[in-house]
C-alpha atoms as a PDB file:
ATOM      1  CA  MET A   1      24.302 -12.215   7.605  1.00  0.00           C
ATOM      2  CA  ARG A   2      20.733 -11.283   6.718  1.00  0.00           C
ATOM      3  CA  SER A   3      18.042 -13.835   7.523  1.00  0.00           C
ATOM      4  CA  GLU A   4      15.363 -12.229   5.396  1.00  0.00           C
ATOM      5  CA  PHE A   5      15.030 -10.903   1.872  1.00  0.00           C
ATOM      6  CA  LYS A   6      12.127  -8.852   0.553  1.00  0.00           C
ATOM      7  CA  GLY A   7      11.714  -8.308  -3.150  1.00  0.00           C
ATOM      8  CA  SER A   8       9.105  -8.128  -5.862  1.00  0.00           C
ATOM      9  CA  ILE A   9       8.166 -10.213  -8.854  1.00  0.00           C
ATOM     10  CA  ARG A  10       5.707  -9.526 -11.639  1.00  0.00           C
ATOM     11  CA  VAL A  11       3.993 -12.029 -13.895  1.00  0.00           C
ATOM     12  CA  SER A  12       3.266 -10.685 -17.369  1.00  0.00           C
ATOM     13  CA  GLU A  13       0.182 -11.476 -19.467  1.00  0.00           C
ATOM     14  CA  ASP A  14       2.113 -14.248 -21.259  1.00  0.00           C
ATOM     15  CA  GLY A  15       3.193 -15.827 -17.951  1.00  0.00           C
ATOM     16  CA  ALA A  16       6.809 -14.592 -17.984  1.00  0.00           C
ATOM     17  CA  ILE A  17       8.196 -13.880 -14.507  1.00  0.00           C
ATOM     18  CA  LYS A  18      10.228 -10.738 -13.894  1.00  0.00           C
ATOM     19  CA  PHE A  19      12.285 -10.458 -10.710  1.00  0.00           C
ATOM     20  CA  PHE A  20      13.032  -7.033  -9.284  1.00  0.00           C
ATOM     21  CA  HIS A  21      16.288  -6.652  -7.310  1.00  0.00           C
ATOM     22  CA  LYS A  22      17.528  -9.872  -8.925  1.00  0.00           C
ATOM     23  CA  GLU A  23      21.193  -9.218  -8.062  1.00  0.00           C
ATOM     24  CA  GLU A  24      20.326  -8.701  -4.394  1.00  0.00           C
ATOM     25  CA  LEU A  25      18.223 -11.879  -4.409  1.00  0.00           C
ATOM     26  CA  ASN A  26      21.082 -13.890  -5.953  1.00  0.00           C
ATOM     27  CA  LYS A  27      23.528 -12.441  -3.420  1.00  0.00           C
ATOM     28  CA  PHE A  28      21.200 -13.302  -0.546  1.00  0.00           C
ATOM     29  CA  LEU A  29      20.579 -16.872  -1.763  1.00  0.00           C
ATOM     30  CA  SER A  30      24.250 -17.551  -2.476  1.00  0.00           C
ATOM     31  CA  SER A  31      25.156 -16.469   1.066  1.00  0.00           C
ATOM     32  CA  HIS A  32      22.965 -19.298   2.441  1.00  0.00           C
ATOM     33  CA  PRO A  33      24.215 -22.469   0.675  1.00  0.00           C
ATOM     34  CA  GLY A  34      22.339 -25.659   1.494  1.00  0.00           C
ATOM     35  CA  GLU A  35      19.523 -23.854   3.317  1.00  0.00           C
ATOM     36  CA  ALA A  36      15.805 -24.193   2.620  1.00  0.00           C
ATOM     37  CA  PHE A  37      13.540 -21.162   2.297  1.00  0.00           C
ATOM     38  CA  ILE A  38       9.866 -20.399   2.748  1.00  0.00           C
ATOM     39  CA  PHE A  39       8.351 -17.897   0.329  1.00  0.00           C
ATOM     40  CA  HIS A  40       5.468 -15.694   1.360  1.00  0.00           C
ATOM     41  CA  VAL A  41       3.616 -14.378  -1.680  1.00  0.00           C
ATOM     42  CA  LYS A  42       1.489 -11.274  -1.242  1.00  0.00           C
ATOM     43  CA  LYS A  43      -0.520  -9.691  -4.006  1.00  0.00           C
ATOM     44  CA  ASN A  44      -0.260  -5.921  -4.092  1.00  0.00           C
ATOM     45  CA  ARG A  45      -3.081  -3.631  -5.018  1.00  0.00           C
ATOM     46  CA  THR A  46      -4.006  -3.371  -8.661  1.00  0.00           C
ATOM     47  CA  ASN A  47      -3.328  -0.344 -10.863  1.00  0.00           C
ATOM     48  CA  GLN A  48      -7.069   0.350 -10.849  1.00  0.00           C
ATOM     49  CA  GLN A  49      -7.143   0.325  -7.041  1.00  0.00           C
ATOM     50  CA  ASN A  50      -4.130   2.615  -6.969  1.00  0.00           C
ATOM     51  CA  ARG A  51      -5.692   5.112  -9.389  1.00  0.00           C
ATOM     52  CA  TYR A  52      -8.925   5.137  -7.365  1.00  0.00           C
ATOM     53  CA  PHE A  53      -6.972   5.624  -4.127  1.00  0.00           C
ATOM     54  CA  TRP A  54      -5.173   8.681  -5.511  1.00  0.00           C
ATOM     55  CA  LEU A  55      -8.461  10.062  -6.864  1.00  0.00           C
ATOM     56  CA  VAL A  56      -9.996   9.783  -3.385  1.00  0.00           C
ATOM     57  CA  LEU A  57      -6.961  11.475  -1.793  1.00  0.00           C
ATOM     58  CA  THR A  58      -7.072  14.248  -4.415  1.00  0.00           C
ATOM     59  CA  MET A  59     -10.780  14.851  -3.772  1.00  0.00           C
ATOM     60  CA  ILE A  60     -10.202  15.054  -0.008  1.00  0.00           C
ATOM     61  CA  GLY A  61      -7.184  17.297  -0.537  1.00  0.00           C
ATOM     62  CA  ASP A  62      -9.198  19.642  -2.749  1.00  0.00           C
ATOM     63  CA  GLU A  63     -11.896  19.789  -0.075  1.00  0.00           C
ATOM     64  CA  ILE A  64      -9.537  20.674   2.783  1.00  0.00           C
ATOM     65  CA  GLY A  65      -6.882  22.601   0.856  1.00  0.00           C
ATOM     66  CA  MET A  66      -4.072  20.071   1.091  1.00  0.00           C
ATOM     67  CA  HIS A  67      -1.952  18.137  -1.399  1.00  0.00           C
ATOM     68  CA  LYS A  68      -2.896  14.481  -1.925  1.00  0.00           C
ATOM     69  CA  ASP A  69       0.473  13.350  -0.492  1.00  0.00           C
ATOM     70  CA  GLU A  70      -0.272  15.227   2.734  1.00  0.00           C
ATOM     71  CA  VAL A  71      -3.718  13.641   2.905  1.00  0.00           C
ATOM     72  CA  LYS A  72      -2.149  10.194   2.429  1.00  0.00           C
ATOM     73  CA  GLU A  73       0.277  10.832   5.272  1.00  0.00           C
ATOM     74  CA  ILE A  74      -2.516  11.986   7.604  1.00  0.00           C
ATOM     75  CA  MET A  75      -4.759   9.042   6.725  1.00  0.00           C
ATOM     76  CA  ALA A  76      -1.900   6.582   7.207  1.00  0.00           C
ATOM     77  CA  PHE A  77      -1.131   8.121  10.604  1.00  0.00           C
ATOM     78  CA  ARG A  78      -4.790   7.883  11.532  1.00  0.00           C
ATOM     79  CA  TYR A  79      -5.506   4.335  10.316  1.00  0.00           C
ATOM     80  CA  LEU A  80      -2.190   2.495   9.904  1.00  0.00           C
ATOM     81  CA  ARG A  81      -0.485   3.396  13.173  1.00  0.00           C
ATOM     82  CA  PHE A  82       0.527   0.603  15.522  1.00  0.00           C
ATOM     83  CA  GLU A  83       2.853  -0.083  18.422  1.00  0.00           C
ATOM     84  CA  THR A  84       5.868  -2.350  18.294  1.00  0.00           C
ATOM     85  CA  ALA A  85       8.331  -3.300  20.992  1.00  0.00           C
ATOM     86  CA  ASN A  86      12.119  -3.340  20.950  1.00  0.00           C
ATOM     87  CA  GLU A  87      12.883  -6.991  21.735  1.00  0.00           C
ATOM     88  CA  LYS A  88      16.080  -6.134  23.608  1.00  0.00           C
ATOM     89  CA  THR A  89      14.869  -3.221  25.760  1.00  0.00           C
ATOM     90  CA  GLY A  90      11.107  -3.735  25.824  1.00  0.00           C
ATOM     91  CA  GLU A  91      10.670  -0.110  24.833  1.00  0.00           C
ATOM     92  CA  ILE A  92       7.444   0.550  22.923  1.00  0.00           C
ATOM     93  CA  TYR A  93       7.573   2.490  19.658  1.00  0.00           C
ATOM     94  CA  GLU A  94       4.794   3.842  17.543  1.00  0.00           C
ATOM     95  CA  ARG A  95       5.084   3.119  13.830  1.00  0.00           C
ATOM     96  CA  VAL A  96       3.000   3.925  10.763  1.00  0.00           C
ATOM     97  CA  LYS A  97       2.700   1.096   8.260  1.00  0.00           C
ATOM     98  CA  SER A  98       3.358   2.066   4.660  1.00  0.00           C
ATOM     99  CA  THR A  99       0.521   1.445   2.212  1.00  0.00           C
ATOM    100  CA  LYS A 100       3.060  -0.541   0.175  1.00  0.00           C
ATOM    101  CA  GLU A 101       3.245  -3.045   3.040  1.00  0.00           C
ATOM    102  CA  LEU A 102      -0.491  -3.723   2.966  1.00  0.00           C
ATOM    103  CA  SER A 103      -1.982  -6.837   1.471  1.00  0.00           C
ATOM    104  CA  LYS A 104      -4.762  -6.332  -1.037  1.00  0.00           C
ATOM    105  CA  LEU A 105      -7.405  -6.909   1.657  1.00  0.00           C
ATOM    106  CA  GLU A 106      -5.652  -4.619   4.165  1.00  0.00           C
ATOM    107  CA  PHE A 107      -5.499  -1.937   1.492  1.00  0.00           C
ATOM    108  CA  ILE A 108      -9.235  -2.275   0.800  1.00  0.00           C
ATOM    109  CA  SER A 109      -9.958  -1.902   4.518  1.00  0.00           C
ATOM    110  CA  PHE A 110      -7.690   1.162   4.731  1.00  0.00           C
ATOM    111  CA  LEU A 111      -9.366   2.751   1.708  1.00  0.00           C
ATOM    112  CA  ASP A 112     -12.807   2.048   3.210  1.00  0.00           C
ATOM    113  CA  ASN A 113     -11.694   3.896   6.364  1.00  0.00           C
ATOM    114  CA  VAL A 114     -10.493   6.870   4.293  1.00  0.00           C
ATOM    115  CA  ILE A 115     -13.797   7.015   2.402  1.00  0.00           C
ATOM    116  CA  MET A 116     -15.762   6.745   5.670  1.00  0.00           C
ATOM    117  CA  PHE A 117     -13.657   9.603   7.091  1.00  0.00           C
ATOM    118  CA  ALA A 118     -14.463  11.761   4.059  1.00  0.00           C
ATOM    119  CA  SER A 119     -18.143  10.999   4.448  1.00  0.00           C
ATOM    120  CA  THR A 120     -18.551  11.381   8.203  1.00  0.00           C
ATOM    121  CA  GLU A 121     -15.958  14.044   9.011  1.00  0.00           C
ATOM    122  CA  LEU A 122     -16.118  16.164   5.851  1.00  0.00           C
ATOM    123  CA  GLY A 123     -19.611  15.450   4.562  1.00  0.00           C
ATOM    124  CA  MET A 124     -18.214  14.388   1.195  1.00  0.00           C
ATOM    125  CA  ARG A 125     -19.666  11.890  -1.232  1.00  0.00           C
ATOM    126  CA  ILE A 126     -16.858   9.861  -2.742  1.00  0.00           C
ATOM    127  CA  PRO A 127     -17.820   8.109  -6.005  1.00  0.00           C
ATOM    128  CA  SER A 128     -17.683   4.323  -6.088  1.00  0.00           C
ATOM    129  CA  PRO A 129     -14.823   2.819  -8.096  1.00  0.00           C
ATOM    130  CA  GLY A 130     -17.207   2.183 -11.024  1.00  0.00           C
ATOM    131  CA  GLU A 131     -18.406   5.791 -10.987  1.00  0.00           C
ATOM    132  CA  ALA A 132     -14.819   7.035 -10.738  1.00  0.00           C
ATOM    133  CA  ILE A 133     -13.787   4.981 -13.769  1.00  0.00           C
ATOM    134  CA  LYS A 134     -16.702   6.413 -15.758  1.00  0.00           C
ATOM    135  CA  MET A 135     -15.750   9.934 -14.653  1.00  0.00           C
ATOM    136  CA  ASP A 136     -12.155   9.283 -15.690  1.00  0.00           C
ATOM    137  CA  LEU A 137     -13.219   7.928 -19.085  1.00  0.00           C
ATOM    138  CA  ASP A 138     -15.512  10.891 -19.643  1.00  0.00           C
ATOM    139  CA  GLY A 139     -12.623  13.221 -18.893  1.00  0.00           C
ATOM    140  CA  GLU A 140     -14.297  14.770 -15.861  1.00  0.00           C
ATOM    141  CA  VAL A 141     -11.517  13.986 -13.415  1.00  0.00           C
END
């Protein structure tokens, strides 16, 4: 029996709540009758942050001749890698955290590291989010 459930919800402009994976959530909850639960709510990055992130990765990819997905993988390996231990054996494993797992603040820190990498290692000037939005609106990107 699973002791943890991870899922997503979205609150619309009018305050309506949409559950993703609702059937799995219902199945999980019904398999634990009479139990109490603690909910941990984490706000994911915004659509604007996501668009800016992919713009930055595209710019770096264009500079070094790689696809933005490859750049994302390299940056995640560089900045989101951590060690974890197998509780039973004590063996240490290296893992790369997915950007989807990051809180909003963790994502901002990760993105700052990527921008700093582009600046210091590649000599690039990455536009600020405000500049990037203007570029996007002007059709330059």
